[in-house]
């Protein structure tokens, strides 16, 4: 059997599915410029960017896991401070001008 197009071996080393997305023109132009500059297909550029974003996201969750035991460990603060910070600050008088 004869191939019609040369495909980089790394592109399809695993089973792949097709996904269609609509992107803003500026992002498409950026991807196209990178594709031309690096002599890669636009699909390869998008796969690399998605892979980098996924690795970065996993890295952040690993960092959160590393400090999870410290979250909420400050004594003397309400448990729902993140949701009610304005009420807490008003109640404690933070931000009010003192007597002169």
PDB file of N, CA and C in Angstrom:
ATOM      1  N   UNK A   1       0.851  -1.183   0.000  1.00  0.00           N
ATOM      2  CA  UNK A   1       0.000   0.000   0.000  1.00  0.00           C
ATOM      3  C   UNK A   1       0.889   1.237   0.000  1.00  0.00           C
ATOM      4  N   UNK A   2       0.510   2.240  -0.714  1.00  0.00           N
ATOM      5  CA  UNK A   2       1.305   3.441  -0.856  1.00  0.00           C
ATOM      6  C   UNK A   2       0.665   4.594  -0.077  1.00  0.00           C
ATOM      7  N   UNK A   3       1.492   5.338   0.681  1.00  0.00           N
ATOM      8  CA  UNK A   3       0.987   6.482   1.452  1.00  0.00           C
ATOM      9  C   UNK A   3       0.863   7.704   0.571  1.00  0.00           C
ATOM     10  N   UNK A   4      -0.171   8.471   0.789  1.00  0.00           N
ATOM     11  CA  UNK A   4      -0.357   9.706   0.044  1.00  0.00           C
ATOM     12  C   UNK A   4       0.294  10.892   0.742  1.00  0.00           C
ATOM     13  N   UNK A   5       0.387  10.831   2.052  1.00  0.00           N
ATOM     14  CA  UNK A   5       0.957  11.958   2.801  1.00  0.00           C
ATOM     15  C   UNK A   5       1.925  11.435   3.840  1.00  0.00           C
ATOM     16  N   UNK A   6       2.996  12.184   4.030  1.00  0.00           N
ATOM     17  CA  UNK A   6       3.959  11.831   5.058  1.00  0.00           C
ATOM     18  C   UNK A   6       3.470  12.399   6.393  1.00  0.00           C
ATOM     19  N   UNK A   7       3.375  11.553   7.386  1.00  0.00           N
ATOM     20  CA  UNK A   7       2.906  11.959   8.707  1.00  0.00           C
ATOM     21  C   UNK A   7       4.029  11.699   9.698  1.00  0.00           C
ATOM     22  N   UNK A   8       4.305  12.693  10.535  1.00  0.00           N
ATOM     23  CA  UNK A   8       5.339  12.511  11.557  1.00  0.00           C
ATOM     24  C   UNK A   8       4.951  11.346  12.444  1.00  0.00           C
ATOM     25  N   UNK A   9       5.886  10.434  12.730  1.00  0.00           N
ATOM     26  CA  UNK A   9       5.540   9.246  13.521  1.00  0.00           C
ATOM     27  C   UNK A   9       5.001   9.571  14.904  1.00  0.00           C
ATOM     28  N   UNK A  10       5.458  10.675  15.506  1.00  0.00           N
ATOM     29  CA  UNK A  10       4.988  11.011  16.848  1.00  0.00           C
ATOM     30  C   UNK A  10       3.536  11.474  16.863  1.00  0.00           C
ATOM     31  N   UNK A  11       3.037  11.925  15.720  1.00  0.00           N
ATOM     32  CA  UNK A  11       1.679  12.466  15.677  1.00  0.00           C
ATOM     33  C   UNK A  11       0.625  11.426  15.989  1.00  0.00           C
ATOM     34  N   UNK A  12       0.826  10.206  15.522  1.00  0.00           N
ATOM     35  CA  UNK A  12      -0.213   9.202  15.662  1.00  0.00           C
ATOM     36  C   UNK A  12       0.320   7.926  16.297  1.00  0.00           C
ATOM     37  N   UNK A  13       1.168   8.050  17.320  1.00  0.00           N
ATOM     38  CA  UNK A  13       1.676   6.863  17.989  1.00  0.00           C
ATOM     39  C   UNK A  13       0.597   6.218  18.865  1.00  0.00           C
ATOM     40  N   UNK A  14      -0.404   6.986  19.236  1.00  0.00           N
ATOM     41  CA  UNK A  14      -1.529   6.485  20.019  1.00  0.00           C
ATOM     42  C   UNK A  14      -2.813   6.682  19.218  1.00  0.00           C
ATOM     43  N   UNK A  15      -3.852   5.915  19.537  1.00  0.00           N
ATOM     44  CA  UNK A  15      -5.128   6.156  18.844  1.00  0.00           C
ATOM     45  C   UNK A  15      -5.590   7.594  19.079  1.00  0.00           C
ATOM     46  N   UNK A  16      -6.073   8.235  18.040  1.00  0.00           N
ATOM     47  CA  UNK A  16      -6.508   9.627  18.164  1.00  0.00           C
ATOM     48  C   UNK A  16      -7.947   9.778  17.691  1.00  0.00           C
ATOM     49  N   UNK A  17      -8.590  10.811  18.168  1.00  0.00           N
ATOM     50  CA  UNK A  17      -9.940  11.165  17.737  1.00  0.00           C
ATOM     51  C   UNK A  17      -9.881  12.582  17.184  1.00  0.00           C
ATOM     52  N   UNK A  18     -10.798  12.882  16.326  1.00  0.00           N
ATOM     53  CA  UNK A  18     -10.875  14.211  15.737  1.00  0.00           C
ATOM     54  C   UNK A  18     -11.775  15.080  16.607  1.00  0.00           C
ATOM     55  N   UNK A  19     -11.339  16.319  16.813  1.00  0.00           N
ATOM     56  CA  UNK A  19     -12.100  17.281  17.602  1.00  0.00           C
ATOM     57  C   UNK A  19     -12.104  18.594  16.830  1.00  0.00           C
ATOM     58  N   UNK A  20     -13.269  19.157  16.647  1.00  0.00           N
ATOM     59  CA  UNK A  20     -13.382  20.430  15.952  1.00  0.00           C
ATOM     60  C   UNK A  20     -13.668  21.512  16.982  1.00  0.00           C
ATOM     61  N   UNK A  21     -12.861  22.584  16.935  1.00  0.00           N
ATOM     62  CA  UNK A  21     -13.067  23.703  17.854  1.00  0.00           C
ATOM     63  C   UNK A  21     -13.092  24.997  17.062  1.00  0.00           C
ATOM     64  N   UNK A  22     -13.762  25.980  17.586  1.00  0.00           N
ATOM     65  CA  UNK A  22     -13.789  27.307  16.977  1.00  0.00           C
ATOM     66  C   UNK A  22     -12.943  28.215  17.849  1.00  0.00           C
ATOM     67  N   UNK A  23     -11.980  28.886  17.220  1.00  0.00           N
ATOM     68  CA  UNK A  23     -11.029  29.714  17.953  1.00  0.00           C
ATOM     69  C   UNK A  23     -11.094  31.155  17.469  1.00  0.00           C
ATOM     70  N   UNK A  24     -10.747  32.099  18.335  1.00  0.00           N
ATOM     71  CA  UNK A  24     -10.679  33.503  17.899  1.00  0.00           C
ATOM     72  C   UNK A  24      -9.599  33.659  16.817  1.00  0.00           C
ATOM     73  N   UNK A  25      -9.819  34.607  15.912  1.00  0.00           N
ATOM     74  CA  UNK A  25      -8.897  34.800  14.797  1.00  0.00           C
ATOM     75  C   UNK A  25      -7.467  35.061  15.263  1.00  0.00           C
ATOM     76  N   UNK A  26      -7.303  35.809  16.330  1.00  0.00           N
ATOM     77  CA  UNK A  26      -5.956  36.122  16.817  1.00  0.00           C
ATOM     78  C   UNK A  26      -5.215  34.854  17.250  1.00  0.00           C
ATOM     79  N   UNK A  27      -5.915  33.945  17.904  1.00  0.00           N
ATOM     80  CA  UNK A  27      -5.297  32.696  18.336  1.00  0.00           C
ATOM     81  C   UNK A  27      -4.948  31.818  17.140  1.00  0.00           C
ATOM     82  N   UNK A  28      -5.831  31.769  16.158  1.00  0.00           N
ATOM     83  CA  UNK A  28      -5.566  30.998  14.943  1.00  0.00           C
ATOM     84  C   UNK A  28      -4.332  31.560  14.235  1.00  0.00           C
ATOM     85  N   UNK A  29      -4.238  32.878  14.135  1.00  0.00           N
ATOM     86  CA  UNK A  29      -3.086  33.508  13.486  1.00  0.00           C
ATOM     87  C   UNK A  29      -1.798  33.165  14.233  1.00  0.00           C
ATOM     88  N   UNK A  30      -1.859  33.154  15.561  1.00  0.00           N
ATOM     89  CA  UNK A  30      -0.698  32.805  16.380  1.00  0.00           C
ATOM     90  C   UNK A  30      -0.274  31.351  16.137  1.00  0.00           C
ATOM     91  N   UNK A  31      -1.238  30.453  16.097  1.00  0.00           N
ATOM     92  CA  UNK A  31      -0.954  29.032  15.852  1.00  0.00           C
ATOM     93  C   UNK A  31      -0.392  28.841  14.449  1.00  0.00           C
ATOM     94  N   UNK A  32      -0.971  29.528  13.463  1.00  0.00           N
ATOM     95  CA  UNK A  32      -0.479  29.411  12.090  1.00  0.00           C
ATOM     96  C   UNK A  32       0.946  29.934  11.963  1.00  0.00           C
ATOM     97  N   UNK A  33       1.243  31.046  12.621  1.00  0.00           N
ATOM     98  CA  UNK A  33       2.601  31.604  12.565  1.00  0.00           C
ATOM     99  C   UNK A  33       3.607  30.646  13.199  1.00  0.00           C
ATOM    100  N   UNK A  34       3.247  30.087  14.353  1.00  0.00           N
ATOM    101  CA  UNK A  34       4.138  29.122  14.997  1.00  0.00           C
ATOM    102  C   UNK A  34       4.312  27.884  14.130  1.00  0.00           C
ATOM    103  N   UNK A  35       3.249  27.451  13.504  1.00  0.00           N
ATOM    104  CA  UNK A  35       3.286  26.286  12.632  1.00  0.00           C
ATOM    105  C   UNK A  35       4.255  26.510  11.464  1.00  0.00           C
ATOM    106  N   UNK A  36       4.155  27.669  10.836  1.00  0.00           N
ATOM    107  CA  UNK A  36       5.059  27.985   9.720  1.00  0.00           C
ATOM    108  C   UNK A  36       6.499  28.108  10.207  1.00  0.00           C
ATOM    109  N   UNK A  37       6.692  28.804  11.315  1.00  0.00           N
ATOM    110  CA  UNK A  37       8.036  29.035  11.834  1.00  0.00           C
ATOM    111  C   UNK A  37       8.750  27.758  12.247  1.00  0.00           C
ATOM    112  N   UNK A  38       8.012  26.822  12.816  1.00  0.00           N
ATOM    113  CA  UNK A  38       8.612  25.570  13.290  1.00  0.00           C
ATOM    114  C   UNK A  38       8.491  24.440  12.287  1.00  0.00           C
ATOM    115  N   UNK A  39       7.804  24.716  11.173  1.00  0.00           N
ATOM    116  CA  UNK A  39       7.576  23.716  10.119  1.00  0.00           C
ATOM    117  C   UNK A  39       6.897  22.465  10.675  1.00  0.00           C
ATOM    118  N   UNK A  40       5.840  22.723  11.428  1.00  0.00           N
ATOM    119  CA  UNK A  40       4.988  21.668  11.981  1.00  0.00           C
ATOM    120  C   UNK A  40       3.564  21.917  11.505  1.00  0.00           C
ATOM    121  N   UNK A  41       2.745  20.893  11.598  1.00  0.00           N
ATOM    122  CA  UNK A  41       1.340  21.102  11.261  1.00  0.00           C
ATOM    123  C   UNK A  41       0.661  21.902  12.375  1.00  0.00           C
ATOM    124  N   UNK A  42      -0.433  22.552  12.042  1.00  0.00           N
ATOM    125  CA  UNK A  42      -1.188  23.286  13.059  1.00  0.00           C
ATOM    126  C   UNK A  42      -1.681  22.323  14.135  1.00  0.00           C
ATOM    127  N   UNK A  43      -2.054  21.114  13.735  1.00  0.00           N
ATOM    128  CA  UNK A  43      -2.518  20.119  14.696  1.00  0.00           C
ATOM    129  C   UNK A  43      -1.420  19.774  15.702  1.00  0.00           C
ATOM    130  N   UNK A  44      -0.166  19.638  15.211  1.00  0.00           N
ATOM    131  CA  UNK A  44       0.941  19.343  16.123  1.00  0.00           C
ATOM    132  C   UNK A  44       1.143  20.477  17.126  1.00  0.00           C
ATOM    133  N   UNK A  45       1.049  21.715  16.650  1.00  0.00           N
ATOM    134  CA  UNK A  45       1.207  22.868  17.537  1.00  0.00           C
ATOM    135  C   UNK A  45       0.106  22.866  18.596  1.00  0.00           C
ATOM    136  N   UNK A  46      -1.129  22.633  18.181  1.00  0.00           N
ATOM    137  CA  UNK A  46      -2.254  22.616  19.128  1.00  0.00           C
ATOM    138  C   UNK A  46      -2.086  21.472  20.130  1.00  0.00           C
ATOM    139  N   UNK A  47      -1.690  20.281  19.654  1.00  0.00           N
ATOM    140  CA  UNK A  47      -1.470  19.147  20.574  1.00  0.00           C
ATOM    141  C   UNK A  47      -0.402  19.479  21.606  1.00  0.00           C
ATOM    142  N   UNK A  48       0.693  20.111  21.168  1.00  0.00           N
ATOM    143  CA  UNK A  48       1.750  20.496  22.108  1.00  0.00           C
ATOM    144  C   UNK A  48       1.231  21.482  23.147  1.00  0.00           C
ATOM    145  N   UNK A  49       0.499  22.486  22.679  1.00  0.00           N
ATOM    146  CA  UNK A  49      -0.024  23.487  23.620  1.00  0.00           C
ATOM    147  C   UNK A  49      -1.000  22.868  24.619  1.00  0.00           C
ATOM    148  N   UNK A  50      -1.862  21.994  24.142  1.00  0.00           N
ATOM    149  CA  UNK A  50      -2.809  21.336  25.053  1.00  0.00           C
ATOM    150  C   UNK A  50      -2.068  20.442  26.040  1.00  0.00           C
ATOM    151  N   UNK A  51      -1.045  19.754  25.572  1.00  0.00           N
ATOM    152  CA  UNK A  51      -0.247  18.901  26.460  1.00  0.00           C
ATOM    153  C   UNK A  51       0.456  19.702  27.530  1.00  0.00           C
ATOM    154  N   UNK A  52       1.023  20.861  27.137  1.00  0.00           N
ATOM    155  CA  UNK A  52       1.697  21.729  28.118  1.00  0.00           C
ATOM    156  C   UNK A  52       0.713  22.232  29.154  1.00  0.00           C
ATOM    157  N   UNK A  53      -0.476  22.633  28.710  1.00  0.00           N
ATOM    158  CA  UNK A  53      -1.493  23.140  29.634  1.00  0.00           C
ATOM    159  C   UNK A  53      -1.929  22.051  30.605  1.00  0.00           C
ATOM    160  N   UNK A  54      -2.073  20.829  30.123  1.00  0.00           N
ATOM    161  CA  UNK A  54      -2.485  19.722  30.995  1.00  0.00           C
ATOM    162  C   UNK A  54      -1.402  19.424  32.025  1.00  0.00           C
ATOM    163  N   UNK A  55      -0.135  19.426  31.606  1.00  0.00           N
ATOM    164  CA  UNK A  55       0.960  19.170  32.563  1.00  0.00           C
ATOM    165  C   UNK A  55       1.034  20.272  33.602  1.00  0.00           C
ATOM    166  N   UNK A  56       0.835  21.517  33.180  1.00  0.00           N
ATOM    167  CA  UNK A  56       0.872  22.645  34.097  1.00  0.00           C
ATOM    168  C   UNK A  56      -0.257  22.534  35.118  1.00  0.00           C
ATOM    169  N   UNK A  57      -1.439  22.138  34.657  1.00  0.00           N
ATOM    170  CA  UNK A  57      -2.591  21.980  35.541  1.00  0.00           C
ATOM    171  C   UNK A  57      -2.335  20.885  36.574  1.00  0.00           C
ATOM    172  N   UNK A  58      -1.756  19.766  36.134  1.00  0.00           N
ATOM    173  CA  UNK A  58      -1.430  18.677  37.072  1.00  0.00           C
ATOM    174  C   UNK A  58      -0.409  19.149  38.094  1.00  0.00           C
ATOM    175  N   UNK A  59       0.548  19.977  37.648  1.00  0.00           N
ATOM    176  CA  UNK A  59       1.563  20.505  38.558  1.00  0.00           C
ATOM    177  C   UNK A  59       0.944  21.354  39.647  1.00  0.00           C
ATOM    178  N   UNK A  60      -0.036  22.190  39.267  1.00  0.00           N
ATOM    179  CA  UNK A  60      -0.704  23.026  40.271  1.00  0.00           C
ATOM    180  C   UNK A  60      -1.459  22.177  41.271  1.00  0.00           C
ATOM    181  N   UNK A  61      -2.124  21.108  40.809  1.00  0.00           N
ATOM    182  CA  UNK A  61      -2.872  20.276  41.747  1.00  0.00           C
ATOM    183  C   UNK A  61      -1.922  19.519  42.672  1.00  0.00           C
ATOM    184  N   UNK A  62      -0.724  19.175  42.185  1.00  0.00           N
ATOM    185  CA  UNK A  62       0.267  18.537  43.060  1.00  0.00           C
ATOM    186  C   UNK A  62       0.736  19.512  44.141  1.00  0.00           C
ATOM    187  N   UNK A  63       0.908  20.784  43.764  1.00  0.00           N
ATOM    188  CA  UNK A  63       1.306  21.790  44.751  1.00  0.00           C
ATOM    189  C   UNK A  63       0.220  21.977  45.807  1.00  0.00           C
ATOM    190  N   UNK A  64      -1.028  22.028  45.378  1.00  0.00           N
ATOM    191  CA  UNK A  64      -2.131  22.170  46.324  1.00  0.00           C
ATOM    192  C   UNK A  64      -2.175  20.967  47.256  1.00  0.00           C
ATOM    193  N   UNK A  65      -1.968  19.780  46.705  1.00  0.00           N
ATOM    194  CA  UNK A  65      -1.955  18.567  47.530  1.00  0.00           C
ATOM    195  C   UNK A  65      -0.849  18.643  48.582  1.00  0.00           C
ATOM    196  N   UNK A  66       0.285  19.233  48.215  1.00  0.00           N
ATOM    197  CA  UNK A  66       1.419  19.321  49.136  1.00  0.00           C
ATOM    198  C   UNK A  66       1.116  20.214  50.344  1.00  0.00           C
ATOM    199  N   UNK A  67       0.248  21.218  50.173  1.00  0.00           N
ATOM    200  CA  UNK A  67      -0.065  22.111  51.286  1.00  0.00           C
ATOM    201  C   UNK A  67      -1.479  21.927  51.814  1.00  0.00           C
ATOM    202  N   UNK A  68      -2.167  20.898  51.383  1.00  0.00           N
ATOM    203  CA  UNK A  68      -3.575  20.697  51.747  1.00  0.00           C
ATOM    204  C   UNK A  68      -3.775  20.628  53.255  1.00  0.00           C
ATOM    205  N   UNK A  69      -2.812  20.074  53.972  1.00  0.00           N
ATOM    206  CA  UNK A  69      -2.968  19.973  55.425  1.00  0.00           C
ATOM    207  C   UNK A  69      -2.896  21.335  56.106  1.00  0.00           C
ATOM    208  N   UNK A  70      -2.387  22.357  55.431  1.00  0.00           N
ATOM    209  CA  UNK A  70      -2.285  23.690  56.018  1.00  0.00           C
ATOM    210  C   UNK A  70      -3.512  24.551  55.735  1.00  0.00           C
ATOM    211  N   UNK A  71      -4.275  24.197  54.726  1.00  0.00           N
ATOM    212  CA  UNK A  71      -5.442  24.987  54.352  1.00  0.00           C
ATOM    213  C   UNK A  71      -6.441  24.986  55.503  1.00  0.00           C
ATOM    214  N   UNK A  72      -6.825  26.174  55.914  1.00  0.00           N
ATOM    215  CA  UNK A  72      -7.796  26.314  56.998  1.00  0.00           C
ATOM    216  C   UNK A  72      -7.223  26.112  58.386  1.00  0.00           C
ATOM    217  N   UNK A  73      -5.903  26.164  58.517  1.00  0.00           N
ATOM    218  CA  UNK A  73      -5.296  25.859  59.813  1.00  0.00           C
ATOM    219  C   UNK A  73      -4.962  27.092  60.642  1.00  0.00           C
ATOM    220  N   UNK A  74      -5.441  28.263  60.253  1.00  0.00           N
ATOM    221  CA  UNK A  74      -5.168  29.475  61.017  1.00  0.00           C
ATOM    222  C   UNK A  74      -6.215  29.606  62.113  1.00  0.00           C
ATOM    223  N   UNK A  75      -5.770  29.634  63.357  1.00  0.00           N
ATOM    224  CA  UNK A  75      -6.693  29.725  64.489  1.00  0.00           C
ATOM    225  C   UNK A  75      -7.299  31.122  64.601  1.00  0.00           C
ATOM    226  N   UNK A  76      -8.516  31.187  65.077  1.00  0.00           N
ATOM    227  CA  UNK A  76      -9.167  32.451  65.373  1.00  0.00           C
ATOM    228  C   UNK A  76      -9.925  33.080  64.219  1.00  0.00           C
ATOM    229  N   UNK A  77      -9.930  32.438  63.063  1.00  0.00           N
ATOM    230  CA  UNK A  77     -10.676  32.983  61.935  1.00  0.00           C
ATOM    231  C   UNK A  77     -11.915  32.139  61.688  1.00  0.00           C
ATOM    232  N   UNK A  78     -12.981  32.769  61.163  1.00  0.00           N
ATOM    233  CA  UNK A  78     -14.176  31.981  60.854  1.00  0.00           C
ATOM    234  C   UNK A  78     -13.885  30.965  59.749  1.00  0.00           C
ATOM    235  N   UNK A  79     -14.585  29.839  59.765  1.00  0.00           N
ATOM    236  CA  UNK A  79     -14.349  28.790  58.774  1.00  0.00           C
ATOM    237  C   UNK A  79     -14.759  29.221  57.371  1.00  0.00           C
ATOM    238  N   UNK A  80     -15.697  30.163  57.278  1.00  0.00           N
ATOM    239  CA  UNK A  80     -16.172  30.591  55.966  1.00  0.00           C
ATOM    240  C   UNK A  80     -15.636  31.965  55.588  1.00  0.00           C
ATOM    241  N   UNK A  81     -14.437  32.298  56.008  1.00  0.00           N
ATOM    242  CA  UNK A  81     -13.886  33.627  55.781  1.00  0.00           C
ATOM    243  C   UNK A  81     -13.802  33.974  54.295  1.00  0.00           C
ATOM    244  N   UNK A  82     -13.477  33.015  53.465  1.00  0.00           N
ATOM    245  CA  UNK A  82     -13.343  33.334  52.039  1.00  0.00           C
ATOM    246  C   UNK A  82     -14.676  33.769  51.441  1.00  0.00           C
ATOM    247  N   UNK A  83     -15.767  33.259  51.954  1.00  0.00           N
ATOM    248  CA  UNK A  83     -17.086  33.613  51.428  1.00  0.00           C
ATOM    249  C   UNK A  83     -17.649  34.861  52.105  1.00  0.00           C
ATOM    250  N   UNK A  84     -17.197  35.152  53.325  1.00  0.00           N
ATOM    251  CA  UNK A  84     -17.793  36.250  54.088  1.00  0.00           C
ATOM    252  C   UNK A  84     -16.745  37.240  54.566  1.00  0.00           C
ATOM    253  N   UNK A  85     -15.718  37.487  53.770  1.00  0.00           N
ATOM    254  CA  UNK A  85     -14.619  38.335  54.221  1.00  0.00           C
ATOM    255  C   UNK A  85     -15.056  39.767  54.524  1.00  0.00           C
ATOM    256  N   UNK A  86     -15.975  40.312  53.725  1.00  0.00           N
ATOM    257  CA  UNK A  86     -16.412  41.689  53.959  1.00  0.00           C
ATOM    258  C   UNK A  86     -17.119  41.819  55.318  1.00  0.00           C
ATOM    259  N   UNK A  87     -17.991  40.865  55.631  1.00  0.00           N
ATOM    260  CA  UNK A  87     -18.698  40.898  56.917  1.00  0.00           C
ATOM    261  C   UNK A  87     -17.706  40.764  58.076  1.00  0.00           C
ATOM    262  N   UNK A  88     -16.711  39.887  57.937  1.00  0.00           N
ATOM    263  CA  UNK A  88     -15.718  39.695  58.998  1.00  0.00           C
ATOM    264  C   UNK A  88     -14.903  40.971  59.203  1.00  0.00           C
ATOM    265  N   UNK A  89     -14.462  41.590  58.109  1.00  0.00           N
ATOM    266  CA  UNK A  89     -13.646  42.800  58.225  1.00  0.00           C
ATOM    267  C   UNK A  89     -14.445  43.946  58.813  1.00  0.00           C
ATOM    268  N   UNK A  90     -15.723  44.059  58.453  1.00  0.00           N
ATOM    269  CA  UNK A  90     -16.578  45.100  59.026  1.00  0.00           C
ATOM    270  C   UNK A  90     -16.760  44.858  60.520  1.00  0.00           C
ATOM    271  N   UNK A  91     -17.007  43.609  60.887  1.00  0.00           N
ATOM    272  CA  UNK A  91     -17.233  43.250  62.297  1.00  0.00           C
ATOM    273  C   UNK A  91     -15.998  43.543  63.153  1.00  0.00           C
ATOM    274  N   UNK A  92     -14.820  43.318  62.601  1.00  0.00           N
ATOM    275  CA  UNK A  92     -13.592  43.535  63.374  1.00  0.00           C
ATOM    276  C   UNK A  92     -13.105  44.975  63.316  1.00  0.00           C
ATOM    277  N   UNK A  93     -13.760  45.804  62.489  1.00  0.00           N
ATOM    278  CA  UNK A  93     -13.393  47.213  62.416  1.00  0.00           C
ATOM    279  C   UNK A  93     -12.239  47.504  61.481  1.00  0.00           C
ATOM    280  N   UNK A  94     -11.826  46.547  60.699  1.00  0.00           N
ATOM    281  CA  UNK A  94     -10.714  46.757  59.790  1.00  0.00           C
ATOM    282  C   UNK A  94     -11.100  47.791  58.735  1.00  0.00           C
ATOM    283  N   UNK A  95     -10.230  48.760  58.509  1.00  0.00           N
ATOM    284  CA  UNK A  95     -10.459  49.765  57.480  1.00  0.00           C
ATOM    285  C   UNK A  95     -11.152  51.012  57.973  1.00  0.00           C
ATOM    286  N   UNK A  96     -11.635  51.005  59.192  1.00  0.00           N
ATOM    287  CA  UNK A  96     -12.252  52.228  59.738  1.00  0.00           C
ATOM    288  C   UNK A  96     -11.165  53.182  60.185  1.00  0.00           C
ATOM    289  N   UNK A  97     -11.440  54.440  60.005  1.00  0.00           N
ATOM    290  CA  UNK A  97     -10.480  55.435  60.470  1.00  0.00           C
ATOM    291  C   UNK A  97     -10.577  55.548  61.984  1.00  0.00           C
ATOM    292  N   UNK A  98      -9.440  55.551  62.605  1.00  0.00           N
ATOM    293  CA  UNK A  98      -9.408  55.684  64.056  1.00  0.00           C
ATOM    294  C   UNK A  98      -9.540  57.147  64.489  1.00  0.00           C
ATOM    295  N   UNK A  99      -9.685  57.340  65.767  1.00  0.00           N
ATOM    296  CA  UNK A  99      -9.783  58.707  66.298  1.00  0.00           C
ATOM    297  C   UNK A  99      -8.434  59.397  66.160  1.00  0.00           C
ATOM    298  N   UNK A 100      -8.488  60.669  65.899  1.00  0.00           N
ATOM    299  CA  UNK A 100      -7.252  61.446  65.764  1.00  0.00           C
ATOM    300  C   UNK A 100      -7.051  62.340  66.921  1.00  0.00           C
TER     301      UNK A 100
END
